[in-house]
Amino acid sequence: MQVVFLLFTRDDLLTLRKWFEDKELLRRLSFPDDEWFAYVTNGDTARCWMAYRSDEAIAEIQVDRDGEHGYIELAVRPDLRGCGIGTAVLSTFLAGPGKTYMILDARIDPDNSASLACFLRCGFEIRQNPDVDGFIQAVRQQASGP
């Protein structure tokens, strides 16, 4: 599957907000309000991409940067969950925009087996013990720099 990543724009905000009508997604991630939008589009601290297959938005990836370390979140369009889209998007991201991060770190709810499996399939090491906030840490270190 060919996936294209475009930096998040205001036009994407309405699309992403519609995805949050899904209770599972809303339970896992914070609603994309205007403050979030300003955060991911104004500066180097965070970046957000919409992933497209043809002209169809299929996922969103956010990475918060701390030096060469990135903290990553992935949201798959709710009606596409369970179809391998998350793995395809994440692996393509790692080979593209994700190359600029020496370390990528995800924090995943322990009961989110689909996300844990996705990150594991994409080469992340899944830490066994939850962090202080109760999340499972998934970490991937790049073999070399950008």
N, C-alpha and C. Protein backbone atom coordinates (compact mmCIF):
# COMPACT_ATOMS: atom_id res chain seq x y z
N MET A 1 0.84 -1.17 0.00
CA MET A 1 0.00 0.00 0.00
C MET A 1 0.89 1.24 0.00
N GLN A 2 0.57 2.19 -0.86
CA GLN A 2 1.33 3.43 -0.89
C GLN A 2 0.68 4.43 0.06
N VAL A 3 1.49 4.95 0.98
CA VAL A 3 1.03 5.91 1.97
C VAL A 3 1.84 7.19 1.79
N VAL A 4 1.15 8.31 1.78
CA VAL A 4 1.78 9.62 1.66
C VAL A 4 1.49 10.40 2.94
N PHE A 5 2.50 11.07 3.46
CA PHE A 5 2.35 11.88 4.67
C PHE A 5 2.41 13.35 4.31
N LEU A 6 1.41 14.08 4.76
CA LEU A 6 1.38 15.53 4.58
C LEU A 6 1.27 16.17 5.96
N LEU A 7 2.05 17.23 6.17
CA LEU A 7 1.96 17.93 7.44
C LEU A 7 0.53 18.39 7.66
N PHE A 8 0.10 18.30 8.88
CA PHE A 8 -1.27 18.59 9.28
C PHE A 8 -1.60 20.05 9.02
N THR A 9 -2.79 20.30 8.48
CA THR A 9 -3.26 21.66 8.21
C THR A 9 -4.64 21.85 8.86
N ARG A 10 -5.09 23.08 8.87
CA ARG A 10 -6.41 23.38 9.42
C ARG A 10 -7.49 22.60 8.67
N ASP A 11 -7.31 22.35 7.38
CA ASP A 11 -8.29 21.57 6.61
C ASP A 11 -8.42 20.15 7.15
N ASP A 12 -7.35 19.61 7.74
CA ASP A 12 -7.38 18.26 8.29
C ASP A 12 -8.09 18.19 9.64
N LEU A 13 -8.21 19.32 10.30
CA LEU A 13 -8.75 19.35 11.66
C LEU A 13 -10.19 18.83 11.72
N LEU A 14 -11.04 19.25 10.80
CA LEU A 14 -12.43 18.80 10.80
C LEU A 14 -12.50 17.29 10.55
N THR A 15 -11.69 16.81 9.64
CA THR A 15 -11.64 15.37 9.35
C THR A 15 -11.27 14.59 10.61
N LEU A 16 -10.19 15.01 11.26
CA LEU A 16 -9.74 14.31 12.46
C LEU A 16 -10.77 14.39 13.58
N ARG A 17 -11.39 15.53 13.75
CA ARG A 17 -12.40 15.67 14.79
C ARG A 17 -13.57 14.71 14.58
N LYS A 18 -13.93 14.46 13.36
CA LYS A 18 -15.01 13.50 13.07
C LYS A 18 -14.64 12.10 13.54
N TRP A 19 -13.38 11.75 13.44
CA TRP A 19 -12.93 10.44 13.90
C TRP A 19 -13.18 10.27 15.39
N PHE A 20 -13.17 11.37 16.13
CA PHE A 20 -13.33 11.31 17.58
C PHE A 20 -14.79 11.13 18.01
N GLU A 21 -15.69 10.98 17.05
CA GLU A 21 -17.05 10.55 17.37
C GLU A 21 -17.02 9.08 17.82
N ASP A 22 -15.93 8.40 17.48
CA ASP A 22 -15.71 7.02 17.88
C ASP A 22 -15.27 6.99 19.35
N LYS A 23 -16.03 6.30 20.19
CA LYS A 23 -15.75 6.29 21.63
C LYS A 23 -14.40 5.66 21.96
N GLU A 24 -13.99 4.67 21.21
CA GLU A 24 -12.70 4.02 21.47
C GLU A 24 -11.55 5.00 21.24
N LEU A 25 -11.59 5.73 20.15
CA LEU A 25 -10.53 6.70 19.87
C LEU A 25 -10.54 7.81 20.91
N LEU A 26 -11.71 8.29 21.26
CA LEU A 26 -11.82 9.35 22.26
C LEU A 26 -11.30 8.88 23.62
N ARG A 27 -11.46 7.61 23.91
CA ARG A 27 -10.96 7.05 25.17
C ARG A 27 -9.43 6.97 25.19
N ARG A 28 -8.83 6.81 24.02
CA ARG A 28 -7.38 6.60 23.94
C ARG A 28 -6.57 7.89 23.80
N LEU A 29 -7.11 8.87 23.08
CA LEU A 29 -6.36 10.10 22.78
C LEU A 29 -7.18 11.32 23.14
N SER A 30 -6.51 12.44 23.30
CA SER A 30 -7.19 13.70 23.59
C SER A 30 -7.81 14.27 22.32
N PHE A 31 -8.98 14.88 22.48
CA PHE A 31 -9.68 15.49 21.36
C PHE A 31 -8.82 16.60 20.76
N PRO A 32 -8.73 16.67 19.44
CA PRO A 32 -7.90 17.69 18.78
C PRO A 32 -8.58 19.07 18.78
N ASP A 33 -8.37 19.82 19.85
CA ASP A 33 -8.96 21.15 19.94
C ASP A 33 -8.03 22.19 19.32
N ASP A 34 -8.40 23.45 19.39
CA ASP A 34 -7.60 24.51 18.76
C ASP A 34 -6.24 24.68 19.43
N GLU A 35 -6.18 24.47 20.74
CA GLU A 35 -4.90 24.56 21.43
C GLU A 35 -3.94 23.46 20.95
N TRP A 36 -4.46 22.25 20.77
CA TRP A 36 -3.65 21.15 20.24
C TRP A 36 -3.17 21.49 18.84
N PHE A 37 -4.07 22.01 18.00
CA PHE A 37 -3.72 22.35 16.63
C PHE A 37 -2.57 23.37 16.61
N ALA A 38 -2.65 24.40 17.43
CA ALA A 38 -1.57 25.39 17.50
C ALA A 38 -0.26 24.73 17.92
N TYR A 39 -0.33 23.82 18.87
CA TYR A 39 0.85 23.13 19.37
C TYR A 39 1.54 22.32 18.27
N VAL A 40 0.78 21.57 17.46
CA VAL A 40 1.39 20.68 16.47
C VAL A 40 1.73 21.37 15.15
N THR A 41 1.34 22.64 15.01
CA THR A 41 1.62 23.33 13.74
C THR A 41 2.51 24.56 13.89
N ASN A 42 2.88 24.93 15.11
CA ASN A 42 3.66 26.16 15.32
C ASN A 42 4.99 25.86 16.00
N GLY A 43 5.96 25.41 15.25
CA GLY A 43 7.28 25.24 15.85
C GLY A 43 7.84 23.85 15.68
N ASP A 44 8.97 23.64 16.34
CA ASP A 44 9.69 22.39 16.22
C ASP A 44 9.43 21.42 17.35
N THR A 45 8.66 21.82 18.35
CA THR A 45 8.41 20.97 19.50
C THR A 45 7.57 19.75 19.13
N ALA A 46 6.66 19.93 18.20
CA ALA A 46 5.78 18.83 17.79
C ALA A 46 5.48 18.94 16.30
N ARG A 47 5.22 17.80 15.71
CA ARG A 47 4.80 17.73 14.31
C ARG A 47 3.64 16.74 14.23
N CYS A 48 2.79 16.99 13.27
CA CYS A 48 1.66 16.10 13.05
C CYS A 48 1.48 15.92 11.55
N TRP A 49 1.23 14.69 11.15
CA TRP A 49 1.02 14.35 9.74
C TRP A 49 -0.31 13.63 9.58
N MET A 50 -0.96 13.86 8.46
CA MET A 50 -2.08 13.01 8.05
C MET A 50 -1.49 12.04 7.04
N ALA A 51 -1.88 10.80 7.18
CA ALA A 51 -1.46 9.76 6.24
C ALA A 51 -2.59 9.54 5.25
N TYR A 52 -2.23 9.53 3.98
CA TYR A 52 -3.21 9.36 2.91
C TYR A 52 -2.89 8.14 2.07
N ARG A 53 -3.94 7.47 1.66
CA ARG A 53 -3.87 6.42 0.63
C ARG A 53 -4.73 6.98 -0.49
N SER A 54 -4.10 7.26 -1.63
CA SER A 54 -4.75 8.02 -2.70
C SER A 54 -5.17 9.36 -2.11
N ASP A 55 -6.43 9.72 -2.21
CA ASP A 55 -6.90 10.99 -1.63
C ASP A 55 -7.66 10.77 -0.33
N GLU A 56 -7.50 9.61 0.26
CA GLU A 56 -8.27 9.22 1.43
C GLU A 56 -7.41 9.30 2.70
N ALA A 57 -7.86 10.11 3.67
CA ALA A 57 -7.16 10.20 4.96
C ALA A 57 -7.39 8.90 5.71
N ILE A 58 -6.29 8.23 6.11
CA ILE A 58 -6.42 6.92 6.76
C ILE A 58 -5.84 6.88 8.17
N ALA A 59 -4.98 7.84 8.51
CA ALA A 59 -4.38 7.85 9.84
C ALA A 59 -3.76 9.21 10.11
N GLU A 60 -3.45 9.41 11.38
CA GLU A 60 -2.78 10.64 11.82
C GLU A 60 -1.65 10.21 12.76
N ILE A 61 -0.50 10.86 12.59
CA ILE A 61 0.66 10.60 13.45
C ILE A 61 1.14 11.92 14.03
N GLN A 62 1.35 11.92 15.34
CA GLN A 62 1.91 13.08 16.02
C GLN A 62 3.20 12.64 16.69
N VAL A 63 4.24 13.47 16.58
CA VAL A 63 5.49 13.23 17.29
C VAL A 63 5.89 14.50 18.02
N ASP A 64 6.06 14.38 19.33
CA ASP A 64 6.58 15.47 20.15
C ASP A 64 8.08 15.26 20.25
N ARG A 65 8.84 16.31 19.97
CA ARG A 65 10.30 16.19 19.90
C ARG A 65 10.97 16.70 21.17
N ASP A 66 11.98 15.93 21.59
CA ASP A 66 12.89 16.35 22.65
C ASP A 66 14.28 15.99 22.15
N GLY A 67 14.93 16.92 21.46
CA GLY A 67 16.21 16.63 20.81
C GLY A 67 16.00 15.65 19.68
N GLU A 68 16.75 14.54 19.70
CA GLU A 68 16.59 13.50 18.68
C GLU A 68 15.60 12.44 19.12
N HIS A 69 14.98 12.64 20.25
CA HIS A 69 14.02 11.70 20.83
C HIS A 69 12.62 12.18 20.46
N GLY A 70 11.78 11.28 19.96
CA GLY A 70 10.41 11.63 19.62
C GLY A 70 9.42 10.76 20.38
N TYR A 71 8.34 11.38 20.80
CA TYR A 71 7.26 10.66 21.47
C TYR A 71 6.10 10.60 20.49
N ILE A 72 5.74 9.40 20.08
CA ILE A 72 4.84 9.21 18.95
C ILE A 72 3.46 8.73 19.37
N GLU A 73 2.44 9.24 18.67
CA GLU A 73 1.06 8.78 18.82
C GLU A 73 0.52 8.49 17.42
N LEU A 74 -0.26 7.45 17.31
CA LEU A 74 -0.84 7.05 16.03
C LEU A 74 -2.34 6.86 16.21
N ALA A 75 -3.11 7.46 15.31
CA ALA A 75 -4.56 7.26 15.30
C ALA A 75 -4.96 6.78 13.91
N VAL A 76 -5.61 5.64 13.85
CA VAL A 76 -6.12 5.09 12.59
C VAL A 76 -7.58 5.47 12.48
N ARG A 77 -8.02 5.83 11.27
CA ARG A 77 -9.42 6.14 11.07
C ARG A 77 -10.26 4.98 11.59
N PRO A 78 -11.23 5.26 12.45
CA PRO A 78 -11.95 4.19 13.15
C PRO A 78 -12.52 3.08 12.28
N ASP A 79 -13.06 3.40 11.13
CA ASP A 79 -13.65 2.35 10.29
C ASP A 79 -12.61 1.48 9.59
N LEU A 80 -11.32 1.83 9.74
CA LEU A 80 -10.25 1.05 9.11
C LEU A 80 -9.46 0.22 10.12
N ARG A 81 -9.82 0.30 11.39
CA ARG A 81 -9.09 -0.49 12.40
C ARG A 81 -9.25 -1.98 12.12
N GLY A 82 -8.19 -2.72 12.45
CA GLY A 82 -8.23 -4.17 12.30
C GLY A 82 -7.92 -4.67 10.90
N CYS A 83 -7.48 -3.76 10.03
CA CYS A 83 -7.20 -4.13 8.63
C CYS A 83 -5.72 -4.05 8.28
N GLY A 84 -4.85 -3.83 9.26
CA GLY A 84 -3.42 -3.71 8.99
C GLY A 84 -2.99 -2.31 8.59
N ILE A 85 -3.91 -1.36 8.62
CA ILE A 85 -3.59 0.01 8.23
C ILE A 85 -2.56 0.62 9.18
N GLY A 86 -2.72 0.41 10.47
CA GLY A 86 -1.79 0.99 11.45
C GLY A 86 -0.36 0.53 11.20
N THR A 87 -0.19 -0.75 10.96
CA THR A 87 1.15 -1.29 10.70
C THR A 87 1.72 -0.72 9.40
N ALA A 88 0.90 -0.64 8.36
CA ALA A 88 1.36 -0.10 7.08
C ALA A 88 1.76 1.37 7.22
N VAL A 89 0.94 2.14 7.93
CA VAL A 89 1.22 3.57 8.12
C VAL A 89 2.47 3.75 8.97
N LEU A 90 2.56 3.04 10.08
CA LEU A 90 3.71 3.21 10.97
C LEU A 90 5.01 2.77 10.30
N SER A 91 5.01 1.66 9.60
CA SER A 91 6.25 1.21 8.94
C SER A 91 6.67 2.18 7.84
N THR A 92 5.70 2.74 7.11
CA THR A 92 6.03 3.72 6.07
C THR A 92 6.54 5.01 6.70
N PHE A 93 5.94 5.41 7.81
CA PHE A 93 6.41 6.60 8.53
C PHE A 93 7.85 6.41 8.98
N LEU A 94 8.18 5.25 9.51
CA LEU A 94 9.53 4.99 10.00
C LEU A 94 10.57 5.06 8.88
N ALA A 95 10.16 4.70 7.68
CA ALA A 95 11.07 4.74 6.52
C ALA A 95 11.12 6.13 5.89
N GLY A 96 10.22 7.02 6.30
CA GLY A 96 10.14 8.36 5.74
C GLY A 96 10.38 9.42 6.81
N PRO A 97 9.32 10.18 7.17
CA PRO A 97 9.49 11.27 8.14
C PRO A 97 10.07 10.82 9.48
N GLY A 98 9.82 9.60 9.88
CA GLY A 98 10.30 9.10 11.16
C GLY A 98 11.80 8.91 11.24
N LYS A 99 12.47 8.94 10.10
CA LYS A 99 13.93 8.75 10.09
C LYS A 99 14.68 9.86 10.84
N THR A 100 14.04 11.00 11.02
CA THR A 100 14.73 12.12 11.66
C THR A 100 14.83 11.98 13.17
N TYR A 101 14.21 10.96 13.72
CA TYR A 101 14.25 10.74 15.17
C TYR A 101 15.13 9.54 15.48
N MET A 102 16.16 9.75 16.29
CA MET A 102 17.04 8.64 16.65
C MET A 102 16.30 7.62 17.52
N ILE A 103 15.41 8.12 18.38
CA ILE A 103 14.62 7.25 19.25
C ILE A 103 13.16 7.67 19.13
N LEU A 104 12.29 6.70 18.95
CA LEU A 104 10.85 6.96 19.00
C LEU A 104 10.27 6.17 20.16
N ASP A 105 9.40 6.81 20.89
CA ASP A 105 8.88 6.27 22.13
C ASP A 105 7.36 6.44 22.12
N ALA A 106 6.63 5.37 22.30
CA ALA A 106 5.17 5.43 22.39
C ALA A 106 4.75 4.99 23.78
N ARG A 107 3.68 5.57 24.28
CA ARG A 107 3.09 5.18 25.55
C ARG A 107 1.70 4.65 25.23
N ILE A 108 1.46 3.37 25.55
CA ILE A 108 0.25 2.68 25.11
C ILE A 108 -0.48 2.11 26.31
N ASP A 109 -1.80 2.27 26.32
CA ASP A 109 -2.61 1.67 27.38
C ASP A 109 -2.38 0.16 27.40
N PRO A 110 -2.21 -0.44 28.56
CA PRO A 110 -1.95 -1.88 28.65
C PRO A 110 -3.04 -2.75 28.00
N ASP A 111 -4.27 -2.25 27.96
CA ASP A 111 -5.35 -3.04 27.36
C ASP A 111 -5.52 -2.80 25.86
N ASN A 112 -4.64 -2.00 25.26
CA ASN A 112 -4.71 -1.71 23.83
C ASN A 112 -3.82 -2.70 23.07
N SER A 113 -4.27 -3.94 23.00
CA SER A 113 -3.46 -5.00 22.39
C SER A 113 -3.21 -4.74 20.91
N ALA A 114 -4.13 -4.11 20.22
CA ALA A 114 -3.93 -3.83 18.79
C ALA A 114 -2.76 -2.87 18.59
N SER A 115 -2.68 -1.81 19.39
CA SER A 115 -1.57 -0.86 19.26
C SER A 115 -0.25 -1.49 19.69
N LEU A 116 -0.28 -2.25 20.76
CA LEU A 116 0.95 -2.94 21.19
C LEU A 116 1.47 -3.85 20.10
N ALA A 117 0.58 -4.61 19.46
CA ALA A 117 0.98 -5.52 18.38
C ALA A 117 1.50 -4.75 17.17
N CYS A 118 0.86 -3.64 16.84
CA CYS A 118 1.29 -2.81 15.71
C CYS A 118 2.71 -2.31 15.92
N PHE A 119 2.98 -1.73 17.09
CA PHE A 119 4.31 -1.20 17.36
C PHE A 119 5.35 -2.32 17.43
N LEU A 120 4.99 -3.46 17.96
CA LEU A 120 5.90 -4.60 17.99
C LEU A 120 6.25 -5.06 16.57
N ARG A 121 5.24 -5.16 15.71
CA ARG A 121 5.48 -5.56 14.31
C ARG A 121 6.39 -4.58 13.58
N CYS A 122 6.40 -3.34 14.02
CA CYS A 122 7.22 -2.31 13.36
C CYS A 122 8.58 -2.12 14.02
N GLY A 123 8.98 -3.06 14.85
CA GLY A 123 10.33 -3.05 15.40
C GLY A 123 10.52 -2.32 16.71
N PHE A 124 9.44 -1.99 17.38
CA PHE A 124 9.55 -1.36 18.69
C PHE A 124 9.73 -2.43 19.76
N GLU A 125 10.54 -2.10 20.75
CA GLU A 125 10.70 -2.98 21.91
C GLU A 125 9.60 -2.63 22.90
N ILE A 126 8.84 -3.62 23.31
CA ILE A 126 7.75 -3.40 24.25
C ILE A 126 8.27 -3.69 25.66
N ARG A 127 8.28 -2.67 26.50
CA ARG A 127 8.73 -2.83 27.88
C ARG A 127 7.61 -3.51 28.67
N GLN A 128 7.95 -4.38 29.55
CA GLN A 128 6.96 -5.20 30.25
C GLN A 128 6.23 -4.47 31.37
N ASN A 129 6.92 -3.61 32.07
CA ASN A 129 6.30 -2.95 33.23
C ASN A 129 5.76 -1.58 32.85
N PRO A 130 4.54 -1.28 33.27
CA PRO A 130 3.98 0.05 32.99
C PRO A 130 4.81 1.16 33.64
N ASP A 131 4.75 2.35 33.02
CA ASP A 131 5.44 3.51 33.61
C ASP A 131 4.61 4.05 34.78
N VAL A 132 5.03 5.15 35.35
CA VAL A 132 4.35 5.70 36.53
C VAL A 132 2.91 6.12 36.24
N ASP A 133 2.59 6.37 34.97
CA ASP A 133 1.23 6.76 34.58
C ASP A 133 0.38 5.56 34.17
N GLY A 134 0.98 4.35 34.23
CA GLY A 134 0.23 3.14 33.90
C GLY A 134 0.30 2.73 32.44
N PHE A 135 1.11 3.41 31.63
CA PHE A 135 1.23 3.07 30.21
C PHE A 135 2.38 2.10 29.98
N ILE A 136 2.24 1.29 28.93
CA ILE A 136 3.32 0.43 28.47
C ILE A 136 4.17 1.23 27.49
N GLN A 137 5.47 1.18 27.65
CA GLN A 137 6.38 1.93 26.79
C GLN A 137 6.82 1.03 25.63
N ALA A 138 6.76 1.58 24.43
CA ALA A 138 7.26 0.93 23.23
C ALA A 138 8.36 1.85 22.66
N VAL A 139 9.57 1.32 22.50
CA VAL A 139 10.71 2.15 22.11
C VAL A 139 11.37 1.56 20.87
N ARG A 140 11.74 2.43 19.96
CA ARG A 140 12.48 2.03 18.76
C ARG A 140 13.64 2.99 18.55
N GLN A 141 14.84 2.42 18.46
CA GLN A 141 16.02 3.22 18.21
C GLN A 141 16.47 2.98 16.77
N GLN A 142 16.74 4.05 16.04
CA GLN A 142 17.20 3.95 14.67
C GLN A 142 18.62 3.37 14.64
N ALA A 143 18.90 2.63 13.60
CA ALA A 143 20.23 2.05 13.46
C ALA A 143 21.27 3.13 13.20
N SER A 144 20.89 4.20 12.50
CA SER A 144 21.80 5.31 12.23
C SER A 144 20.99 6.58 12.09
N GLY A 145 21.69 7.71 12.10
CA GLY A 145 21.03 9.01 12.00
C GLY A 145 20.43 9.25 10.64
N PRO A 146 19.80 10.42 10.45
CA PRO A 146 19.14 10.77 9.20
C PRO A 146 20.08 10.91 8.05
